[in-house]
């Protein structure tokens, strides 16, 4: 199938393919510098800063999002931006937490 004729990416389909390990991340689409994945950690969020800019779109769940020293509540439908290299993590999140993750741009982030 030609890339422009791809069916929609569905969160439920991607959640079914998540690995059972702590990271619980799976890539759903890659195109150029774009990488779209699904992130659904359990218990704790073990991630460290990334080398590219990223956007999270929360689909399920609620909790707190820490970016640097700032902490804010999040819920379904929220969009969270993190510039490359910034420390961040999800805290006190519900068991159903799942988000689309979008990495893009050059290493080191856009300027």
N, C-alpha and C. Protein backbone atom coordinates (compact mmCIF):
# COMPACT_ATOMS: atom_id res chain seq x y z
N UNK A 1 0.84 -1.17 0.00
CA UNK A 1 0.00 0.00 0.00
C UNK A 1 0.89 1.24 0.00
N UNK A 2 0.57 2.19 -0.83
CA UNK A 2 1.31 3.44 -0.89
C UNK A 2 1.16 4.18 0.44
N UNK A 3 2.22 4.85 0.88
CA UNK A 3 2.23 5.51 2.18
C UNK A 3 1.08 6.51 2.34
N UNK A 4 0.69 7.20 1.26
CA UNK A 4 -0.40 8.16 1.35
C UNK A 4 -1.76 7.49 1.51
N UNK A 5 -1.83 6.20 1.28
CA UNK A 5 -3.09 5.47 1.40
C UNK A 5 -3.16 4.63 2.67
N UNK A 6 -2.32 4.94 3.65
CA UNK A 6 -2.32 4.19 4.90
C UNK A 6 -3.63 4.39 5.65
N UNK A 7 -4.08 3.33 6.31
CA UNK A 7 -5.27 3.50 7.16
C UNK A 7 -4.88 4.33 8.39
N UNK A 8 -5.86 4.88 9.09
CA UNK A 8 -5.55 5.67 10.29
C UNK A 8 -4.81 4.84 11.34
N UNK A 9 -3.95 5.50 12.09
CA UNK A 9 -3.30 4.86 13.23
C UNK A 9 -4.28 4.89 14.39
N UNK A 10 -4.52 3.75 14.98
CA UNK A 10 -5.48 3.66 16.08
C UNK A 10 -4.76 3.29 17.37
N UNK A 11 -5.04 4.06 18.41
CA UNK A 11 -4.39 3.84 19.70
C UNK A 11 -4.61 2.41 20.19
N UNK A 12 -5.82 1.91 20.11
CA UNK A 12 -6.11 0.56 20.61
C UNK A 12 -5.26 -0.50 19.92
N UNK A 13 -5.05 -0.36 18.61
CA UNK A 13 -4.22 -1.31 17.88
C UNK A 13 -2.78 -1.26 18.36
N UNK A 14 -2.28 -0.05 18.60
CA UNK A 14 -0.88 0.09 19.04
C UNK A 14 -0.69 -0.37 20.47
N UNK A 15 -1.66 -0.12 21.34
CA UNK A 15 -1.54 -0.58 22.73
C UNK A 15 -1.43 -2.10 22.79
N UNK A 16 -2.07 -2.78 21.87
CA UNK A 16 -2.01 -4.25 21.83
C UNK A 16 -0.63 -4.77 21.46
N UNK A 17 0.23 -3.91 20.87
CA UNK A 17 1.56 -4.34 20.45
C UNK A 17 2.67 -3.89 21.40
N UNK A 18 2.31 -3.25 22.51
CA UNK A 18 3.33 -2.75 23.44
C UNK A 18 4.11 -3.89 24.08
N UNK A 19 5.42 -3.72 24.24
CA UNK A 19 6.20 -4.73 24.94
C UNK A 19 5.82 -4.74 26.42
N UNK A 20 6.06 -5.84 27.09
CA UNK A 20 5.68 -5.99 28.49
C UNK A 20 6.70 -5.36 29.44
N UNK A 21 7.84 -4.89 28.93
CA UNK A 21 8.88 -4.33 29.80
C UNK A 21 8.43 -2.98 30.36
N UNK A 22 9.27 -2.38 31.19
CA UNK A 22 8.96 -1.12 31.85
C UNK A 22 8.75 0.03 30.87
N UNK A 23 9.50 0.06 29.77
CA UNK A 23 9.45 1.21 28.88
C UNK A 23 8.08 1.36 28.22
N UNK A 24 7.51 0.27 27.75
CA UNK A 24 6.17 0.28 27.13
C UNK A 24 6.03 1.39 26.09
N UNK A 25 6.92 1.33 25.09
CA UNK A 25 6.90 2.27 23.98
C UNK A 25 6.99 1.47 22.69
N UNK A 26 6.20 1.86 21.69
CA UNK A 26 6.26 1.20 20.40
C UNK A 26 6.14 2.28 19.32
N UNK A 27 6.94 2.15 18.27
CA UNK A 27 6.89 3.08 17.15
C UNK A 27 5.72 2.69 16.25
N UNK A 28 4.91 3.69 15.91
CA UNK A 28 3.75 3.46 15.05
C UNK A 28 3.99 3.94 13.62
N UNK A 29 4.85 4.96 13.44
CA UNK A 29 5.07 5.55 12.12
C UNK A 29 6.41 6.27 12.11
N UNK A 30 7.15 6.09 11.03
CA UNK A 30 8.39 6.85 10.80
C UNK A 30 8.34 7.43 9.39
N UNK A 31 8.72 8.71 9.28
CA UNK A 31 8.76 9.37 7.98
C UNK A 31 9.71 10.54 8.09
N UNK A 32 10.83 10.49 7.37
CA UNK A 32 11.84 11.55 7.50
C UNK A 32 12.30 11.66 8.94
N UNK A 33 12.25 12.87 9.50
CA UNK A 33 12.65 13.06 10.90
C UNK A 33 11.51 12.76 11.87
N UNK A 34 10.34 12.48 11.34
CA UNK A 34 9.17 12.24 12.18
C UNK A 34 9.14 10.80 12.70
N UNK A 35 8.94 10.67 14.01
CA UNK A 35 8.70 9.36 14.62
C UNK A 35 7.50 9.50 15.54
N UNK A 36 6.47 8.71 15.28
CA UNK A 36 5.26 8.72 16.11
C UNK A 36 5.19 7.37 16.82
N UNK A 37 5.02 7.44 18.12
CA UNK A 37 4.92 6.22 18.90
C UNK A 37 3.82 6.31 19.93
N UNK A 38 3.64 5.21 20.63
CA UNK A 38 2.69 5.14 21.73
C UNK A 38 3.50 4.85 22.99
N UNK A 39 3.23 5.61 24.04
CA UNK A 39 3.91 5.46 25.32
C UNK A 39 2.86 5.21 26.39
N UNK A 40 3.05 4.13 27.15
CA UNK A 40 2.09 3.77 28.19
C UNK A 40 2.82 3.05 29.33
N UNK A 41 3.61 3.81 30.11
CA UNK A 41 4.38 3.18 31.20
C UNK A 41 3.45 2.69 32.31
N UNK A 42 3.97 1.82 33.13
CA UNK A 42 3.23 1.31 34.28
C UNK A 42 4.06 1.55 35.53
N UNK A 43 3.43 2.07 36.56
CA UNK A 43 4.12 2.29 37.83
C UNK A 43 4.91 3.59 37.84
N UNK A 44 6.09 3.56 37.25
CA UNK A 44 6.96 4.74 37.18
C UNK A 44 7.31 5.03 35.74
N UNK A 45 7.66 6.28 35.47
CA UNK A 45 8.10 6.70 34.15
C UNK A 45 9.63 6.76 34.16
N UNK A 46 10.31 5.79 33.52
CA UNK A 46 11.76 5.69 33.63
C UNK A 46 12.54 6.53 32.61
N UNK A 47 11.89 7.35 31.82
CA UNK A 47 12.59 8.01 30.72
C UNK A 47 13.57 9.09 31.18
N UNK A 48 14.52 9.37 30.30
CA UNK A 48 15.49 10.44 30.50
C UNK A 48 15.35 11.41 29.32
N UNK A 49 16.02 12.58 29.38
CA UNK A 49 15.87 13.55 28.29
C UNK A 49 16.20 12.95 26.92
N UNK A 50 15.51 13.46 25.90
CA UNK A 50 15.68 12.98 24.53
C UNK A 50 16.49 13.99 23.72
N UNK A 51 17.04 13.52 22.61
CA UNK A 51 17.91 14.37 21.80
C UNK A 51 17.16 15.19 20.75
N UNK A 52 15.85 14.94 20.61
CA UNK A 52 15.05 15.71 19.66
C UNK A 52 13.83 16.29 20.36
N UNK A 53 13.23 17.31 19.78
CA UNK A 53 12.00 17.88 20.31
C UNK A 53 10.91 16.81 20.29
N UNK A 54 9.97 16.92 21.23
CA UNK A 54 8.89 15.94 21.25
C UNK A 54 7.59 16.57 21.75
N UNK A 55 6.51 15.96 21.32
CA UNK A 55 5.16 16.35 21.70
C UNK A 55 4.44 15.10 22.17
N UNK A 56 3.73 15.22 23.28
CA UNK A 56 2.85 14.15 23.75
C UNK A 56 1.41 14.60 23.55
N UNK A 57 0.56 13.70 23.10
CA UNK A 57 -0.88 13.93 23.05
C UNK A 57 -1.51 12.86 23.93
N UNK A 58 -2.03 13.27 25.06
CA UNK A 58 -2.59 12.32 26.02
C UNK A 58 -3.94 11.82 25.50
N UNK A 59 -4.07 10.50 25.44
CA UNK A 59 -5.31 9.87 24.96
C UNK A 59 -6.12 9.32 26.13
N UNK A 60 -5.43 8.64 27.06
CA UNK A 60 -6.09 8.04 28.22
C UNK A 60 -5.32 8.43 29.47
N UNK A 61 -6.03 8.56 30.57
CA UNK A 61 -5.40 8.70 31.87
C UNK A 61 -5.20 10.13 32.33
N UNK A 62 -4.80 10.22 33.60
CA UNK A 62 -4.55 11.51 34.25
C UNK A 62 -3.33 11.35 35.16
N UNK A 63 -2.74 12.48 35.51
CA UNK A 63 -1.62 12.47 36.42
C UNK A 63 -0.96 13.83 36.45
N UNK A 64 0.32 13.83 36.78
CA UNK A 64 1.12 15.05 36.81
C UNK A 64 2.24 14.92 35.80
N UNK A 65 2.56 16.03 35.14
CA UNK A 65 3.66 16.05 34.17
C UNK A 65 4.71 17.02 34.68
N UNK A 66 5.94 16.51 34.85
CA UNK A 66 7.06 17.33 35.30
C UNK A 66 7.95 17.65 34.12
N UNK A 67 8.20 18.93 33.91
CA UNK A 67 9.13 19.39 32.87
C UNK A 67 10.06 20.39 33.55
N UNK A 68 11.33 19.98 33.73
CA UNK A 68 12.24 20.79 34.53
C UNK A 68 11.71 20.86 35.95
N UNK A 69 11.57 22.07 36.50
CA UNK A 69 11.05 22.25 37.85
C UNK A 69 9.53 22.45 37.89
N UNK A 70 8.91 22.59 36.72
CA UNK A 70 7.47 22.84 36.65
C UNK A 70 6.69 21.52 36.67
N UNK A 71 5.59 21.51 37.42
CA UNK A 71 4.70 20.35 37.49
C UNK A 71 3.28 20.83 37.23
N UNK A 72 2.57 20.11 36.35
CA UNK A 72 1.19 20.48 36.02
C UNK A 72 0.35 19.22 35.85
N UNK A 73 -0.93 19.28 36.20
CA UNK A 73 -1.81 18.14 35.96
C UNK A 73 -2.07 17.97 34.46
N UNK A 74 -2.32 16.73 34.04
CA UNK A 74 -2.67 16.46 32.65
C UNK A 74 -3.83 15.48 32.61
N UNK A 75 -4.51 15.47 31.45
CA UNK A 75 -5.61 14.55 31.23
C UNK A 75 -5.84 14.34 29.75
N UNK A 76 -6.82 13.53 29.39
CA UNK A 76 -7.10 13.23 27.99
C UNK A 76 -7.31 14.49 27.16
N UNK A 77 -6.69 14.50 25.99
CA UNK A 77 -6.80 15.62 25.08
C UNK A 77 -5.71 16.66 25.24
N UNK A 78 -4.92 16.58 26.31
CA UNK A 78 -3.85 17.56 26.52
C UNK A 78 -2.67 17.29 25.60
N UNK A 79 -2.03 18.37 25.18
CA UNK A 79 -0.82 18.32 24.36
C UNK A 79 0.31 18.90 25.20
N UNK A 80 1.41 18.17 25.29
CA UNK A 80 2.57 18.57 26.10
C UNK A 80 3.80 18.63 25.22
N UNK A 81 4.50 19.77 25.22
CA UNK A 81 5.71 19.94 24.41
C UNK A 81 6.94 19.87 25.31
N UNK A 82 7.98 19.19 24.82
CA UNK A 82 9.26 19.11 25.53
C UNK A 82 10.38 19.38 24.54
N UNK A 83 11.16 20.45 24.75
CA UNK A 83 12.29 20.69 23.86
C UNK A 83 13.39 19.65 24.09
N UNK A 84 14.19 19.42 23.08
CA UNK A 84 15.30 18.46 23.16
C UNK A 84 16.17 18.76 24.38
N UNK A 85 16.55 17.71 25.09
CA UNK A 85 17.46 17.83 26.22
C UNK A 85 16.81 18.18 27.55
N UNK A 86 15.53 18.50 27.57
CA UNK A 86 14.86 18.91 28.81
C UNK A 86 14.43 17.67 29.62
N UNK A 87 14.76 17.68 30.90
CA UNK A 87 14.33 16.60 31.79
C UNK A 87 12.81 16.68 31.94
N UNK A 88 12.15 15.53 31.88
CA UNK A 88 10.69 15.48 32.02
C UNK A 88 10.27 14.07 32.38
N UNK A 89 9.06 13.98 32.94
CA UNK A 89 8.50 12.66 33.24
C UNK A 89 7.05 12.80 33.69
N UNK A 90 6.35 11.69 33.59
CA UNK A 90 4.97 11.61 34.08
C UNK A 90 5.03 11.07 35.49
N UNK A 91 4.23 11.66 36.39
CA UNK A 91 4.22 11.25 37.79
C UNK A 91 2.79 11.01 38.24
N UNK A 92 2.62 10.10 39.20
CA UNK A 92 1.31 9.81 39.81
C UNK A 92 0.21 9.68 38.75
N UNK A 93 0.52 8.93 37.70
CA UNK A 93 -0.44 8.76 36.61
C UNK A 93 -1.30 7.53 36.83
N UNK A 94 -2.49 7.57 36.25
CA UNK A 94 -3.44 6.46 36.38
C UNK A 94 -2.97 5.24 35.57
N UNK A 95 -3.50 4.08 35.91
CA UNK A 95 -3.09 2.84 35.26
C UNK A 95 -3.45 2.78 33.78
N UNK A 96 -4.42 3.57 33.36
CA UNK A 96 -4.83 3.55 31.96
C UNK A 96 -4.09 4.59 31.11
N UNK A 97 -3.05 5.23 31.67
CA UNK A 97 -2.34 6.29 30.94
C UNK A 97 -1.76 5.77 29.62
N UNK A 98 -2.03 6.52 28.55
CA UNK A 98 -1.46 6.24 27.23
C UNK A 98 -1.42 7.54 26.44
N UNK A 99 -0.34 7.75 25.71
CA UNK A 99 -0.18 8.97 24.93
C UNK A 99 0.50 8.67 23.60
N UNK A 100 0.12 9.44 22.58
CA UNK A 100 0.91 9.48 21.36
C UNK A 100 2.15 10.30 21.67
N UNK A 101 3.29 9.89 21.16
CA UNK A 101 4.55 10.62 21.30
C UNK A 101 5.04 10.94 19.91
N UNK A 102 5.38 12.20 19.69
CA UNK A 102 5.83 12.64 18.37
C UNK A 102 7.21 13.26 18.52
N UNK A 103 8.22 12.60 17.97
CA UNK A 103 9.58 13.13 17.91
C UNK A 103 9.77 13.71 16.51
N UNK A 104 10.46 14.83 16.41
CA UNK A 104 10.66 15.44 15.10
C UNK A 104 11.89 16.34 15.11
N UNK A 105 12.32 16.69 13.93
CA UNK A 105 13.40 17.66 13.78
C UNK A 105 14.78 17.07 13.98
N UNK A 106 15.77 17.96 13.98
CA UNK A 106 17.17 17.53 14.07
C UNK A 106 17.59 17.17 15.49
N UNK A 107 18.66 16.42 15.60
CA UNK A 107 19.27 16.16 16.89
C UNK A 107 19.58 17.51 17.54
N UNK A 108 19.31 17.63 18.83
CA UNK A 108 19.54 18.89 19.53
C UNK A 108 18.33 19.82 19.48
N UNK A 109 17.32 19.48 18.70
CA UNK A 109 16.10 20.26 18.63
C UNK A 109 16.15 21.38 17.62
N UNK A 110 14.99 21.95 17.36
CA UNK A 110 14.90 23.07 16.43
C UNK A 110 15.28 24.36 17.16
N UNK A 111 15.74 25.29 16.42
CA UNK A 111 16.16 26.58 17.02
C UNK A 111 15.25 27.69 16.58
